Amino acid sequence: MKLSDFGLLTDENIDPGVVAFLRQQGFNVRDCAEEGWVGSSDQYLLSIAVSEKRVVVTHDSDFGALVVGQSQAVIGILYLRPRHINSQFTIESLQVLLNQSLESPPSFIIVVRRTGIDVAIRVRDLSLSND
């Protein structure tokens, strides 16, 4: 499946400009701030994402730790590094990702790391590590 096949749940640390960009790209997005979930535990947000088959979009590495270290169920995590105060920086990183049309495994973490103008993308298939 492609990332575009999933709905998204944006963590509270995702800028509203980034949320608007994702919606403009055709994603069905539930945003923590809009839903009144600011301050909710990562476990709670993951449970919502799993029940609604959504990918969590975050700047927070704690989601990966929950999924990998504690075997928390997950559809997917899109981890955007580094967090940046300028939403355009994050949007440009997302544009690189979306232009690649990557296939997503059944359960995954996608890490997008931008350094200057270079964007590195790594996909980790979690279904292989949960056997």
C-alpha atoms as a PDB file:
ATOM      1  CA  MET A   1       0.000   0.000   0.000  1.00  0.00           C
ATOM      2  CA  LYS A   2       1.029   3.601  -0.483  1.00  0.00           C
ATOM      3  CA  LEU A   3       0.999   6.233   2.245  1.00  0.00           C
ATOM      4  CA  SER A   4      -1.803   7.945   0.330  1.00  0.00           C
ATOM      5  CA  ASP A   5      -4.006   4.883   0.977  1.00  0.00           C
ATOM      6  CA  PHE A   6      -4.143   5.696   4.706  1.00  0.00           C
ATOM      7  CA  GLY A   7      -5.837   8.324   6.810  1.00  0.00           C
ATOM      8  CA  LEU A   8      -3.499  10.320   9.047  1.00  0.00           C
ATOM      9  CA  LEU A   9      -3.524  11.330  12.695  1.00  0.00           C
ATOM     10  CA  THR A  10      -1.273  14.342  13.265  1.00  0.00           C
ATOM     11  CA  ASP A  11       0.363  14.660  16.663  1.00  0.00           C
ATOM     12  CA  GLU A  12       0.065  17.906  18.623  1.00  0.00           C
ATOM     13  CA  ASN A  13       3.584  18.912  17.567  1.00  0.00           C
ATOM     14  CA  ILE A  14       2.654  19.088  13.877  1.00  0.00           C
ATOM     15  CA  ASP A  15       2.186  22.673  12.703  1.00  0.00           C
ATOM     16  CA  PRO A  16      -1.306  23.620  11.417  1.00  0.00           C
ATOM     17  CA  GLY A  17       0.305  24.659   8.116  1.00  0.00           C
ATOM     18  CA  VAL A  18       1.565  21.105   7.674  1.00  0.00           C
ATOM     19  CA  VAL A  19      -1.898  19.725   8.483  1.00  0.00           C
ATOM     20  CA  ALA A  20      -3.393  22.033   5.841  1.00  0.00           C
ATOM     21  CA  PHE A  21      -0.776  20.900   3.296  1.00  0.00           C
ATOM     22  CA  LEU A  22      -1.577  17.220   3.936  1.00  0.00           C
ATOM     23  CA  ARG A  23      -5.271  17.899   3.415  1.00  0.00           C
ATOM     24  CA  GLN A  24      -4.496  19.755   0.181  1.00  0.00           C
ATOM     25  CA  GLN A  25      -2.686  16.605  -0.945  1.00  0.00           C
ATOM     26  CA  GLY A  26      -5.918  14.649  -0.460  1.00  0.00           C
ATOM     27  CA  PHE A  27      -5.219  13.025   2.915  1.00  0.00           C
ATOM     28  CA  ASN A  28      -8.004  12.472   5.433  1.00  0.00           C
ATOM     29  CA  VAL A  29      -6.409  14.018   8.534  1.00  0.00           C
ATOM     30  CA  ARG A  30      -7.519  14.009  12.155  1.00  0.00           C
ATOM     31  CA  ASP A  31      -5.446  16.546  14.068  1.00  0.00           C
ATOM     32  CA  CYS A  32      -4.817  16.264  17.826  1.00  0.00           C
ATOM     33  CA  ALA A  33      -5.213  19.994  18.420  1.00  0.00           C
ATOM     34  CA  GLU A  34      -8.480  20.190  16.467  1.00  0.00           C
ATOM     35  CA  GLU A  35      -9.847  17.109  18.232  1.00  0.00           C
ATOM     36  CA  GLY A  36      -8.961  18.429  21.716  1.00  0.00           C
ATOM     37  CA  TRP A  37      -6.408  15.657  22.325  1.00  0.00           C
ATOM     38  CA  VAL A  38      -3.474  17.912  23.242  1.00  0.00           C
ATOM     39  CA  GLY A  39      -1.749  16.357  26.249  1.00  0.00           C
ATOM     40  CA  SER A  40      -3.178  12.887  25.577  1.00  0.00           C
ATOM     41  CA  SER A  41      -0.818   9.973  26.044  1.00  0.00           C
ATOM     42  CA  ASP A  42       0.969   8.521  23.050  1.00  0.00           C
ATOM     43  CA  GLN A  43      -0.641   5.146  23.851  1.00  0.00           C
ATOM     44  CA  TYR A  44      -4.090   6.731  23.617  1.00  0.00           C
ATOM     45  CA  LEU A  45      -3.283   8.348  20.269  1.00  0.00           C
ATOM     46  CA  LEU A  46      -1.863   5.087  18.924  1.00  0.00           C
ATOM     47  CA  SER A  47      -5.032   3.258  19.951  1.00  0.00           C
ATOM     48  CA  ILE A  48      -7.165   5.774  18.029  1.00  0.00           C
ATOM     49  CA  ALA A  49      -4.879   5.525  15.008  1.00  0.00           C
ATOM     50  CA  VAL A  50      -5.055   1.711  15.009  1.00  0.00           C
ATOM     51  CA  SER A  51      -8.829   1.607  15.456  1.00  0.00           C
ATOM     52  CA  GLU A  52      -9.273   4.048  12.543  1.00  0.00           C
ATOM     53  CA  LYS A  53      -6.445   2.560  10.422  1.00  0.00           C
ATOM     54  CA  ARG A  54      -4.498   5.821  10.447  1.00  0.00           C
ATOM     55  CA  VAL A  55      -0.803   6.600  10.282  1.00  0.00           C
ATOM     56  CA  VAL A  56       0.539   8.791  13.101  1.00  0.00           C
ATOM     57  CA  VAL A  57       2.461  11.823  11.821  1.00  0.00           C
ATOM     58  CA  THR A  58       4.844  13.187  14.438  1.00  0.00           C
ATOM     59  CA  HIS A  59       8.134  14.855  15.299  1.00  0.00           C
ATOM     60  CA  ASP A  60       8.223  12.754  18.497  1.00  0.00           C
ATOM     61  CA  SER A  61      10.500   9.695  18.680  1.00  0.00           C
ATOM     62  CA  ASP A  62       8.484   8.337  21.621  1.00  0.00           C
ATOM     63  CA  PHE A  63       5.974   6.747  19.235  1.00  0.00           C
ATOM     64  CA  GLY A  64       8.695   4.598  17.702  1.00  0.00           C
ATOM     65  CA  ALA A  65       9.910   3.579  21.155  1.00  0.00           C
ATOM     66  CA  LEU A  66       6.384   2.450  22.095  1.00  0.00           C
ATOM     67  CA  VAL A  67       5.968   0.414  18.955  1.00  0.00           C
ATOM     68  CA  VAL A  68       9.436  -1.126  18.784  1.00  0.00           C
ATOM     69  CA  GLY A  69      10.304  -1.373  22.478  1.00  0.00           C
ATOM     70  CA  GLN A  70       6.894  -2.208  23.906  1.00  0.00           C
ATOM     71  CA  SER A  71       5.315  -3.922  20.888  1.00  0.00           C
ATOM     72  CA  GLN A  72       2.394  -1.472  20.831  1.00  0.00           C
ATOM     73  CA  ALA A  73       0.089  -2.152  17.855  1.00  0.00           C
ATOM     74  CA  VAL A  74       0.431   0.307  14.975  1.00  0.00           C
ATOM     75  CA  ILE A  75      -0.634   0.813  11.388  1.00  0.00           C
ATOM     76  CA  GLY A  76       2.219   3.192  10.691  1.00  0.00           C
ATOM     77  CA  ILE A  77       4.267   6.096  11.961  1.00  0.00           C
ATOM     78  CA  LEU A  78       5.582   8.927   9.839  1.00  0.00           C
ATOM     79  CA  TYR A  79       8.428  10.407  11.876  1.00  0.00           C
ATOM     80  CA  LEU A  80       9.589  13.796  10.582  1.00  0.00           C
ATOM     81  CA  ARG A  81      13.075  14.935  11.626  1.00  0.00           C
ATOM     82  CA  PRO A  82      14.074  17.444  12.668  1.00  0.00           C
ATOM     83  CA  ARG A  83      11.185  19.351  14.109  1.00  0.00           C
ATOM     84  CA  HIS A  84      11.294  22.816  12.656  1.00  0.00           C
ATOM     85  CA  ILE A  85       9.562  26.037  13.611  1.00  0.00           C
ATOM     86  CA  ASN A  86       9.086  26.898   9.938  1.00  0.00           C
ATOM     87  CA  SER A  87       6.283  24.712   8.559  1.00  0.00           C
ATOM     88  CA  GLN A  88       7.606  25.188   5.011  1.00  0.00           C
ATOM     89  CA  PHE A  89      10.733  23.209   5.991  1.00  0.00           C
ATOM     90  CA  THR A  90       8.567  20.223   6.970  1.00  0.00           C
ATOM     91  CA  ILE A  91       6.306  20.617   3.929  1.00  0.00           C
ATOM     92  CA  GLU A  92       9.313  20.505   1.597  1.00  0.00           C
ATOM     93  CA  SER A  93      10.464  17.288   3.296  1.00  0.00           C
ATOM     94  CA  LEU A  94       6.983  15.793   2.863  1.00  0.00           C
ATOM     95  CA  GLN A  95       6.932  16.767  -0.807  1.00  0.00           C
ATOM     96  CA  VAL A  96      10.079  14.703  -1.379  1.00  0.00           C
ATOM     97  CA  LEU A  97       8.453  11.736   0.372  1.00  0.00           C
ATOM     98  CA  LEU A  98       5.179  12.027  -1.532  1.00  0.00           C
ATOM     99  CA  ASN A  99       6.981  12.296  -4.877  1.00  0.00           C
ATOM    100  CA  GLN A 100       8.632   8.913  -4.268  1.00  0.00           C
ATOM    101  CA  SER A 101       5.405   6.828  -4.196  1.00  0.00           C
ATOM    102  CA  LEU A 102       6.886   4.362  -1.712  1.00  0.00           C
ATOM    103  CA  GLU A 103       5.087   1.112  -1.001  1.00  0.00           C
ATOM    104  CA  SER A 104       4.325   0.695   2.704  1.00  0.00           C
ATOM    105  CA  PRO A 105       4.512  -2.683   4.431  1.00  0.00           C
ATOM    106  CA  PRO A 106       1.544  -3.785   6.618  1.00  0.00           C
ATOM    107  CA  SER A 107       3.004  -2.141   9.747  1.00  0.00           C
ATOM    108  CA  PHE A 108       5.738   0.455   9.375  1.00  0.00           C
ATOM    109  CA  ILE A 109       7.757   3.440  10.474  1.00  0.00           C
ATOM    110  CA  ILE A 110       8.849   5.916   7.835  1.00  0.00           C
ATOM    111  CA  VAL A 111      11.593   8.262   8.981  1.00  0.00           C
ATOM    112  CA  VAL A 112      12.091  11.425   6.942  1.00  0.00           C
ATOM    113  CA  ARG A 113      15.249  13.286   7.903  1.00  0.00           C
ATOM    114  CA  ARG A 114      16.223  16.551   6.313  1.00  0.00           C
ATOM    115  CA  THR A 115      19.670  18.100   6.536  1.00  0.00           C
ATOM    116  CA  GLY A 116      19.874  21.338   4.580  1.00  0.00           C
ATOM    117  CA  ILE A 117      18.406  20.489   1.189  1.00  0.00           C
ATOM    118  CA  ASP A 118      19.096  16.748   1.460  1.00  0.00           C
ATOM    119  CA  VAL A 119      16.171  14.539   2.451  1.00  0.00           C
ATOM    120  CA  ALA A 120      16.785  10.935   3.508  1.00  0.00           C
ATOM    121  CA  ILE A 121      13.889   8.490   3.759  1.00  0.00           C
ATOM    122  CA  ARG A 122      14.021   5.171   5.577  1.00  0.00           C
ATOM    123  CA  VAL A 123      11.186   2.645   5.787  1.00  0.00           C
ATOM    124  CA  ARG A 124      11.181   0.065   8.565  1.00  0.00           C
ATOM    125  CA  ASP A 125       8.876  -2.928   8.165  1.00  0.00           C
ATOM    126  CA  LEU A 126       7.574  -3.675  11.665  1.00  0.00           C
ATOM    127  CA  SER A 127       5.664  -6.769  10.589  1.00  0.00           C
ATOM    128  CA  LEU A 128       8.997  -8.582  10.231  1.00  0.00           C
ATOM    129  CA  SER A 129      10.109  -7.780  13.792  1.00  0.00           C
ATOM    130  CA  ASN A 130       6.834  -8.770  15.459  1.00  0.00           C
ATOM    131  CA  ASP A 131       6.885 -12.439  14.444  1.00  0.00           C
END
